[in-house]
């Protein structure tokens, strides 16, 4: 698991994980998090029943957590990527 709320404010291998800001944006809960001396990232959590559990967005990567029975397909063309969840 990439995001574990129980780790908030507790020291880890790379320092301390701190949620700097939380905001409800429409149907989503967005958290801006810092890993001390490492990086910042956004965690986007939808309402229960969405096609995915949460998304983590870093300056370099995007992580998507979904339930095991969900299938994902990636379509890439013209420098654009579309991710389908079925």
Protein backbone atom coordinates (compact mmCIF):
# COMPACT_ATOMS: atom_id res chain seq x y z
CA UNK A 1 0.00 0.00 0.00
CA UNK A 2 1.38 3.38 -0.96
CA UNK A 3 -0.76 5.43 1.41
CA UNK A 4 -1.44 4.46 4.98
CA UNK A 5 -3.16 7.10 7.14
CA UNK A 6 -1.78 5.41 10.26
CA UNK A 7 1.71 6.55 9.24
CA UNK A 8 0.81 10.22 9.44
CA UNK A 9 3.30 12.09 11.62
CA UNK A 10 5.32 8.98 12.45
CA UNK A 11 8.99 8.63 11.55
CA UNK A 12 9.85 6.29 8.70
CA UNK A 13 12.97 5.31 6.80
CA UNK A 14 13.05 8.60 4.90
CA UNK A 15 11.95 10.88 7.73
CA UNK A 16 8.51 11.97 8.80
CA UNK A 17 5.31 11.78 6.74
CA UNK A 18 3.19 14.89 7.24
CA UNK A 19 -0.15 15.74 5.68
CA UNK A 20 0.23 19.48 5.02
CA UNK A 21 -3.28 20.19 3.73
CA UNK A 22 -6.62 18.44 3.22
CA UNK A 23 -9.47 19.69 1.09
CA UNK A 24 -12.73 18.31 -0.24
CA UNK A 25 -12.94 19.09 -3.96
CA UNK A 26 -16.32 18.09 -5.31
CA UNK A 27 -16.71 14.36 -4.64
CA UNK A 28 -13.01 13.88 -3.80
CA UNK A 29 -10.81 14.31 -0.73
CA UNK A 30 -7.39 15.70 -1.71
CA UNK A 31 -4.39 15.54 0.62
CA UNK A 32 -1.08 17.31 0.07
CA UNK A 33 1.62 15.27 1.81
CA UNK A 34 5.32 15.74 2.50
CA UNK A 35 7.87 13.03 3.17
CA UNK A 36 10.58 14.89 5.05
CA UNK A 37 13.79 15.35 3.03
CA UNK A 38 12.33 13.41 0.11
CA UNK A 39 9.27 14.61 -1.80
CA UNK A 40 5.74 16.00 -1.87
CA UNK A 41 2.71 14.28 -3.36
CA UNK A 42 -1.06 14.50 -3.70
CA UNK A 43 -3.40 11.73 -2.61
CA UNK A 44 -6.84 11.84 -4.23
CA UNK A 45 -9.52 9.73 -2.54
CA UNK A 46 -12.96 9.39 -4.20
CA UNK A 47 -16.24 8.57 -2.52
CA UNK A 48 -16.91 4.94 -1.64
CA UNK A 49 -17.99 2.93 -4.67
CA UNK A 50 -15.75 4.64 -7.24
CA UNK A 51 -13.85 2.63 -9.87
CA UNK A 52 -10.61 3.07 -7.91
CA UNK A 53 -9.58 3.34 -4.25
CA UNK A 54 -7.14 6.26 -4.45
CA UNK A 55 -4.61 8.03 -6.69
CA UNK A 56 -1.17 9.28 -5.71
CA UNK A 57 0.30 11.99 -7.91
CA UNK A 58 3.99 12.91 -7.61
CA UNK A 59 5.95 15.33 -9.81
CA UNK A 60 7.25 12.31 -11.75
CA UNK A 61 4.61 9.56 -11.51
CA UNK A 62 0.98 8.62 -11.09
CA UNK A 63 -0.11 5.65 -8.93
CA UNK A 64 -3.61 4.24 -9.08
CA UNK A 65 -4.93 1.71 -6.56
CA UNK A 66 -7.90 -0.34 -7.64
CA UNK A 67 -9.62 -3.48 -6.42
CA UNK A 68 -8.12 -6.76 -7.73
CA UNK A 69 -11.12 -7.72 -9.89
CA UNK A 70 -10.85 -4.47 -11.88
CA UNK A 71 -9.01 -4.71 -15.21
CA UNK A 72 -6.99 -1.80 -16.56
CA UNK A 73 -6.05 -0.98 -20.13
CA UNK A 74 -3.64 1.77 -21.25
CA UNK A 75 -3.97 3.44 -24.63
CA UNK A 76 -1.10 5.68 -25.77
CA UNK A 77 -1.12 7.85 -28.87
CA UNK A 78 0.06 11.31 -29.87
CA UNK A 79 1.82 11.88 -26.51
CA UNK A 80 -1.42 11.23 -24.62
CA UNK A 81 -2.25 8.32 -22.33
CA UNK A 82 -5.75 7.10 -21.52
CA UNK A 83 -6.29 4.57 -18.74
CA UNK A 84 -9.48 2.49 -18.93
CA UNK A 85 -10.90 0.74 -15.86
CA UNK A 86 -13.28 -2.13 -16.52
